[in-house]
Amino acid sequence: MEVILKSEIKCPHCGYKKEEEMPTNACQFFYECENCKKVLKPNEGDCCVYCSYGTVPCPPIQENKSCC
């Protein structure tokens, strides 16, 4: 299975969407929305902002590994 490295994050506060490249060597716990400047944090039970707000989960989750 090929790991997808790009995910579109959608801000839950303002609805702004932006495609980002996910890091492969670390989890991303914080993400600042480019539009409204709110800092996003993972939802409870999620390991990173991509798993909470992205269209594609982070690389470790895609590979069925534990994240961070």
PDB file of N, CA and C in Angstrom:
ATOM      1  N   MET A   1       0.835  -1.188   0.000  1.00  0.00           N
ATOM      2  CA  MET A   1       0.000   0.000   0.000  1.00  0.00           C
ATOM      3  C   MET A   1       0.879   1.252   0.000  1.00  0.00           C
ATOM      4  N   GLU A   2       0.559   2.163  -0.883  1.00  0.00           N
ATOM      5  CA  GLU A   2       1.318   3.406  -0.973  1.00  0.00           C
ATOM      6  C   GLU A   2       0.793   4.416   0.047  1.00  0.00           C
ATOM      7  N   VAL A   3       1.707   5.020   0.782  1.00  0.00           N
ATOM      8  CA  VAL A   3       1.334   6.023   1.777  1.00  0.00           C
ATOM      9  C   VAL A   3       1.101   7.356   1.083  1.00  0.00           C
ATOM     10  N   ILE A   4      -0.019   7.971   1.385  1.00  0.00           N
ATOM     11  CA  ILE A   4      -0.353   9.295   0.838  1.00  0.00           C
ATOM     12  C   ILE A   4       0.216  10.343   1.783  1.00  0.00           C
ATOM     13  N   LEU A   5       0.971  11.292   1.242  1.00  0.00           N
ATOM     14  CA  LEU A   5       1.631  12.292   2.081  1.00  0.00           C
ATOM     15  C   LEU A   5       0.932  13.648   2.094  1.00  0.00           C
ATOM     16  N   LYS A   6      -0.074  13.828   1.248  1.00  0.00           N
ATOM     17  CA  LYS A   6      -0.792  15.108   1.229  1.00  0.00           C
ATOM     18  C   LYS A   6      -2.193  14.919   1.778  1.00  0.00           C
ATOM     19  N   SER A   7      -2.624  15.895   2.561  1.00  0.00           N
ATOM     20  CA  SER A   7      -3.948  15.861   3.164  1.00  0.00           C
ATOM     21  C   SER A   7      -4.497  17.279   3.178  1.00  0.00           C
ATOM     22  N   GLU A   8      -5.787  17.407   2.959  1.00  0.00           N
ATOM     23  CA  GLU A   8      -6.414  18.725   3.012  1.00  0.00           C
ATOM     24  C   GLU A   8      -7.003  18.921   4.402  1.00  0.00           C
ATOM     25  N   ILE A   9      -6.499  19.915   5.111  1.00  0.00           N
ATOM     26  CA  ILE A   9      -7.002  20.217   6.450  1.00  0.00           C
ATOM     27  C   ILE A   9      -8.125  21.240   6.317  1.00  0.00           C
ATOM     28  N   LYS A  10      -9.229  20.981   7.030  1.00  0.00           N
ATOM     29  CA  LYS A  10     -10.357  21.911   7.055  1.00  0.00           C
ATOM     30  C   LYS A  10     -10.515  22.443   8.472  1.00  0.00           C
ATOM     31  N   CYS A  11     -10.439  23.748   8.616  1.00  0.00           N
ATOM     32  CA  CYS A  11     -10.576  24.381   9.920  1.00  0.00           C
ATOM     33  C   CYS A  11     -12.029  24.254  10.398  1.00  0.00           C
ATOM     34  N   PRO A  12     -12.232  23.724  11.598  1.00  0.00           N
ATOM     35  CA  PRO A  12     -13.597  23.582  12.113  1.00  0.00           C
ATOM     36  C   PRO A  12     -14.213  24.917  12.549  1.00  0.00           C
ATOM     37  N   HIS A  13     -13.392  25.948  12.666  1.00  0.00           N
ATOM     38  CA  HIS A  13     -13.875  27.258  13.117  1.00  0.00           C
ATOM     39  C   HIS A  13     -14.390  28.113  11.964  1.00  0.00           C
ATOM     40  N   CYS A  14     -13.643  28.147  10.862  1.00  0.00           N
ATOM     41  CA  CYS A  14     -14.029  29.036   9.756  1.00  0.00           C
ATOM     42  C   CYS A  14     -14.296  28.308   8.441  1.00  0.00           C
ATOM     43  N   GLY A  15     -13.957  27.018   8.376  1.00  0.00           N
ATOM     44  CA  GLY A  15     -14.201  26.237   7.169  1.00  0.00           C
ATOM     45  C   GLY A  15     -13.126  26.339   6.101  1.00  0.00           C
ATOM     46  N   TYR A  16     -12.065  27.102   6.371  1.00  0.00           N
ATOM     47  CA  TYR A  16     -10.968  27.259   5.408  1.00  0.00           C
ATOM     48  C   TYR A  16     -10.281  25.915   5.180  1.00  0.00           C
ATOM     49  N   LYS A  17      -9.942  25.613   3.944  1.00  0.00           N
ATOM     50  CA  LYS A  17      -9.272  24.362   3.585  1.00  0.00           C
ATOM     51  C   LYS A  17      -7.928  24.654   2.933  1.00  0.00           C
ATOM     52  N   LYS A  18      -6.951  23.821   3.260  1.00  0.00           N
ATOM     53  CA  LYS A  18      -5.640  23.957   2.628  1.00  0.00           C
ATOM     54  C   LYS A  18      -4.973  22.589   2.565  1.00  0.00           C
ATOM     55  N   GLU A  19      -4.397  22.278   1.398  1.00  0.00           N
ATOM     56  CA  GLU A  19      -3.664  21.024   1.256  1.00  0.00           C
ATOM     57  C   GLU A  19      -2.263  21.201   1.829  1.00  0.00           C
ATOM     58  N   GLU A  20      -1.863  20.262   2.664  1.00  0.00           N
ATOM     59  CA  GLU A  20      -0.554  20.303   3.305  1.00  0.00           C
ATOM     60  C   GLU A  20       0.142  18.966   3.118  1.00  0.00           C
ATOM     61  N   GLU A  21       1.466  18.992   3.156  1.00  0.00           N
ATOM     62  CA  GLU A  21       2.238  17.758   3.142  1.00  0.00           C
ATOM     63  C   GLU A  21       2.486  17.334   4.583  1.00  0.00           C
ATOM     64  N   MET A  22       2.160  16.080   4.882  1.00  0.00           N
ATOM     65  CA  MET A  22       2.293  15.581   6.249  1.00  0.00           C
ATOM     66  C   MET A  22       3.732  15.161   6.529  1.00  0.00           C
ATOM     67  N   PRO A  23       4.191  15.429   7.747  1.00  0.00           N
ATOM     68  CA  PRO A  23       5.528  14.954   8.110  1.00  0.00           C
ATOM     69  C   PRO A  23       5.518  13.434   8.255  1.00  0.00           C
ATOM     70  N   THR A  24       6.631  12.803   7.918  1.00  0.00           N
ATOM     71  CA  THR A  24       6.724  11.347   8.039  1.00  0.00           C
ATOM     72  C   THR A  24       7.526  10.934   9.267  1.00  0.00           C
ATOM     73  N   ASN A  25       8.200  11.903   9.897  1.00  0.00           N
ATOM     74  CA  ASN A  25       9.076  11.574  11.023  1.00  0.00           C
ATOM     75  C   ASN A  25       8.569  12.094  12.363  1.00  0.00           C
ATOM     76  N   ALA A  26       7.375  12.701  12.397  1.00  0.00           N
ATOM     77  CA  ALA A  26       6.831  13.232  13.641  1.00  0.00           C
ATOM     78  C   ALA A  26       5.335  13.488  13.480  1.00  0.00           C
ATOM     79  N   CYS A  27       4.633  13.493  14.607  1.00  0.00           N
ATOM     80  CA  CYS A  27       3.209  13.844  14.586  1.00  0.00           C
ATOM     81  C   CYS A  27       3.072  15.362  14.693  1.00  0.00           C
ATOM     82  N   GLN A  28       2.025  15.873  14.118  1.00  0.00           N
ATOM     83  CA  GLN A  28       1.793  17.309  14.206  1.00  0.00           C
ATOM     84  C   GLN A  28       0.615  17.534  15.151  1.00  0.00           C
ATOM     85  N   PHE A  29       0.928  18.043  16.339  1.00  0.00           N
ATOM     86  CA  PHE A  29      -0.087  18.240  17.369  1.00  0.00           C
ATOM     87  C   PHE A  29      -0.793  19.584  17.242  1.00  0.00           C
ATOM     88  N   PHE A  30      -0.151  20.556  16.633  1.00  0.00           N
ATOM     89  CA  PHE A  30      -0.727  21.893  16.494  1.00  0.00           C
ATOM     90  C   PHE A  30      -0.676  22.328  15.036  1.00  0.00           C
ATOM     91  N   TYR A  31      -1.705  23.067  14.641  1.00  0.00           N
ATOM     92  CA  TYR A  31      -1.765  23.606  13.282  1.00  0.00           C
ATOM     93  C   TYR A  31      -2.500  24.931  13.349  1.00  0.00           C
ATOM     94  N   GLU A  32      -1.876  25.997  12.868  1.00  0.00           N
ATOM     95  CA  GLU A  32      -2.527  27.311  12.867  1.00  0.00           C
ATOM     96  C   GLU A  32      -3.226  27.531  11.534  1.00  0.00           C
ATOM     97  N   CYS A  33      -4.518  27.802  11.591  1.00  0.00           N
ATOM     98  CA  CYS A  33      -5.295  28.079  10.390  1.00  0.00           C
ATOM     99  C   CYS A  33      -4.777  29.363   9.758  1.00  0.00           C
ATOM    100  N   GLU A  34      -4.494  29.278   8.480  1.00  0.00           N
ATOM    101  CA  GLU A  34      -3.973  30.426   7.736  1.00  0.00           C
ATOM    102  C   GLU A  34      -5.000  31.562   7.655  1.00  0.00           C
ATOM    103  N   ASN A  35      -6.284  31.219   7.705  1.00  0.00           N
ATOM    104  CA  ASN A  35      -7.344  32.203   7.532  1.00  0.00           C
ATOM    105  C   ASN A  35      -7.738  32.893   8.848  1.00  0.00           C
ATOM    106  N   CYS A  36      -8.150  32.112   9.851  1.00  0.00           N
ATOM    107  CA  CYS A  36      -8.666  32.712  11.091  1.00  0.00           C
ATOM    108  C   CYS A  36      -7.639  32.742  12.220  1.00  0.00           C
ATOM    109  N   LYS A  37      -6.492  32.118  12.006  1.00  0.00           N
ATOM    110  CA  LYS A  37      -5.369  32.096  12.960  1.00  0.00           C
ATOM    111  C   LYS A  37      -5.637  31.288  14.225  1.00  0.00           C
ATOM    112  N   LYS A  38      -6.723  30.516  14.270  1.00  0.00           N
ATOM    113  CA  LYS A  38      -6.982  29.639  15.416  1.00  0.00           C
ATOM    114  C   LYS A  38      -5.992  28.477  15.354  1.00  0.00           C
ATOM    115  N   VAL A  39      -5.528  28.047  16.516  1.00  0.00           N
ATOM    116  CA  VAL A  39      -4.609  26.917  16.591  1.00  0.00           C
ATOM    117  C   VAL A  39      -5.428  25.652  16.826  1.00  0.00           C
ATOM    118  N   LEU A  40      -5.306  24.707  15.896  1.00  0.00           N
ATOM    119  CA  LEU A  40      -6.036  23.448  15.993  1.00  0.00           C
ATOM    120  C   LEU A  40      -5.206  22.436  16.757  1.00  0.00           C
ATOM    121  N   LYS A  41      -5.881  21.638  17.578  1.00  0.00           N
ATOM    122  CA  LYS A  41      -5.264  20.542  18.313  1.00  0.00           C
ATOM    123  C   LYS A  41      -6.055  19.286  17.980  1.00  0.00           C
ATOM    124  N   PRO A  42      -5.444  18.112  18.090  1.00  0.00           N
ATOM    125  CA  PRO A  42      -6.174  16.874  17.770  1.00  0.00           C
ATOM    126  C   PRO A  42      -7.403  16.694  18.665  1.00  0.00           C
ATOM    127  N   ASN A  43      -8.446  16.094  18.106  1.00  0.00           N
ATOM    128  CA  ASN A  43      -9.615  15.724  18.905  1.00  0.00           C
ATOM    129  C   ASN A  43      -9.223  14.598  19.848  1.00  0.00           C
ATOM    130  N   GLU A  44      -9.971  14.442  20.913  1.00  0.00           N
ATOM    131  CA  GLU A  44      -9.698  13.370  21.861  1.00  0.00           C
ATOM    132  C   GLU A  44      -9.734  12.019  21.143  1.00  0.00           C
ATOM    133  N   GLY A  45      -8.715  11.227  21.375  1.00  0.00           N
ATOM    134  CA  GLY A  45      -8.625   9.919  20.737  1.00  0.00           C
ATOM    135  C   GLY A  45      -7.847   9.915  19.436  1.00  0.00           C
ATOM    136  N   ASP A  46      -7.568  11.086  18.872  1.00  0.00           N
ATOM    137  CA  ASP A  46      -6.769  11.187  17.647  1.00  0.00           C
ATOM    138  C   ASP A  46      -5.334  11.536  18.010  1.00  0.00           C
ATOM    139  N   CYS A  47      -4.399  11.089  17.164  1.00  0.00           N
ATOM    140  CA  CYS A  47      -2.980  11.299  17.473  1.00  0.00           C
ATOM    141  C   CYS A  47      -2.436  12.622  16.954  1.00  0.00           C
ATOM    142  N   CYS A  48      -3.086  13.207  15.927  1.00  0.00           N
ATOM    143  CA  CYS A  48      -2.543  14.427  15.340  1.00  0.00           C
ATOM    144  C   CYS A  48      -3.650  15.213  14.626  1.00  0.00           C
ATOM    145  N   VAL A  49      -3.317  16.413  14.174  1.00  0.00           N
ATOM    146  CA  VAL A  49      -4.317  17.262  13.518  1.00  0.00           C
ATOM    147  C   VAL A  49      -4.773  16.681  12.180  1.00  0.00           C
ATOM    148  N   TYR A  50      -3.931  15.899  11.520  1.00  0.00           N
ATOM    149  CA  TYR A  50      -4.338  15.305  10.238  1.00  0.00           C
ATOM    150  C   TYR A  50      -5.406  14.231  10.455  1.00  0.00           C
ATOM    151  N   CYS A  51      -5.284  13.473  11.546  1.00  0.00           N
ATOM    152  CA  CYS A  51      -6.296  12.454  11.846  1.00  0.00           C
ATOM    153  C   CYS A  51      -7.617  13.097  12.262  1.00  0.00           C
ATOM    154  N   SER A  52      -7.570  14.291  12.824  1.00  0.00           N
ATOM    155  CA  SER A  52      -8.793  14.978  13.258  1.00  0.00           C
ATOM    156  C   SER A  52      -9.432  15.820  12.164  1.00  0.00           C
ATOM    157  N   TYR A  53      -8.637  16.544  11.389  1.00  0.00           N
ATOM    158  CA  TYR A  53      -9.186  17.542  10.465  1.00  0.00           C
ATOM    159  C   TYR A  53      -8.806  17.337   9.004  1.00  0.00           C
ATOM    160  N   GLY A  54      -7.985  16.336   8.728  1.00  0.00           N
ATOM    161  CA  GLY A  54      -7.519  16.109   7.366  1.00  0.00           C
ATOM    162  C   GLY A  54      -8.381  15.139   6.588  1.00  0.00           C
ATOM    163  N   THR A  55      -8.216  15.160   5.278  1.00  0.00           N
ATOM    164  CA  THR A  55      -8.928  14.232   4.403  1.00  0.00           C
ATOM    165  C   THR A  55      -8.243  12.869   4.367  1.00  0.00           C
ATOM    166  N   VAL A  56      -6.981  12.832   4.816  1.00  0.00           N
ATOM    167  CA  VAL A  56      -6.198  11.595   4.843  1.00  0.00           C
ATOM    168  C   VAL A  56      -5.533  11.496   6.213  1.00  0.00           C
ATOM    169  N   PRO A  57      -5.595  10.346   6.887  1.00  0.00           N
ATOM    170  CA  PRO A  57      -4.906  10.205   8.174  1.00  0.00           C
ATOM    171  C   PRO A  57      -3.389  10.231   8.003  1.00  0.00           C
ATOM    172  N   CYS A  58      -2.683  10.458   9.083  1.00  0.00           N
ATOM    173  CA  CYS A  58      -1.222  10.569   9.042  1.00  0.00           C
ATOM    174  C   CYS A  58      -0.573   9.271   8.570  1.00  0.00           C
ATOM    175  N   PRO A  59       0.671   9.351   8.067  1.00  0.00           N
ATOM    176  CA  PRO A  59       1.359   8.173   7.527  1.00  0.00           C
ATOM    177  C   PRO A  59       1.421   6.959   8.466  1.00  0.00           C
ATOM    178  N   PRO A  60       1.749   7.115   9.760  1.00  0.00           N
ATOM    179  CA  PRO A  60       1.782   5.917  10.614  1.00  0.00           C
ATOM    180  C   PRO A  60       0.415   5.219  10.713  1.00  0.00           C
ATOM    181  N   ILE A  61      -0.643   5.970  10.781  1.00  0.00           N
ATOM    182  CA  ILE A  61      -1.977   5.373  10.861  1.00  0.00           C
ATOM    183  C   ILE A  61      -2.318   4.671   9.537  1.00  0.00           C
ATOM    184  N   GLN A  62      -1.919   5.277   8.413  1.00  0.00           N
ATOM    185  CA  GLN A  62      -2.142   4.622   7.125  1.00  0.00           C
ATOM    186  C   GLN A  62      -1.434   3.267   7.056  1.00  0.00           C
ATOM    187  N   GLU A  63      -0.295   3.162   7.728  1.00  0.00           N
ATOM    188  CA  GLU A  63       0.492   1.925   7.711  1.00  0.00           C
ATOM    189  C   GLU A  63       0.109   0.975   8.850  1.00  0.00           C
ATOM    190  N   ASN A  64      -0.989   1.295   9.552  1.00  0.00           N
ATOM    191  CA  ASN A  64      -1.448   0.497  10.688  1.00  0.00           C
ATOM    192  C   ASN A  64      -0.410   0.397  11.799  1.00  0.00           C
ATOM    193  N   LYS A  65       0.326   1.479  12.014  1.00  0.00           N
ATOM    194  CA  LYS A  65       1.293   1.547  13.106  1.00  0.00           C
ATOM    195  C   LYS A  65       0.756   2.531  14.135  1.00  0.00           C
ATOM    196  N   SER A  66       1.344   2.496  15.327  1.00  0.00           N
ATOM    197  CA  SER A  66       0.941   3.486  16.315  1.00  0.00           C
ATOM    198  C   SER A  66       1.573   4.823  15.942  1.00  0.00           C
ATOM    199  N   CYS A  67       0.862   5.861  16.208  1.00  0.00           N
ATOM    200  CA  CYS A  67       1.343   7.202  15.861  1.00  0.00           C
ATOM    201  C   CYS A  67       2.050   7.792  17.073  1.00  0.00           C
ATOM    202  N   CYS A  68       3.277   8.159  16.887  1.00  0.00           N
ATOM    203  CA  CYS A  68       4.088   8.828  17.908  1.00  0.00           C
ATOM    204  C   CYS A  68       4.172   8.018  19.178  1.00  0.00           C
TER     205      CYS A  68
END
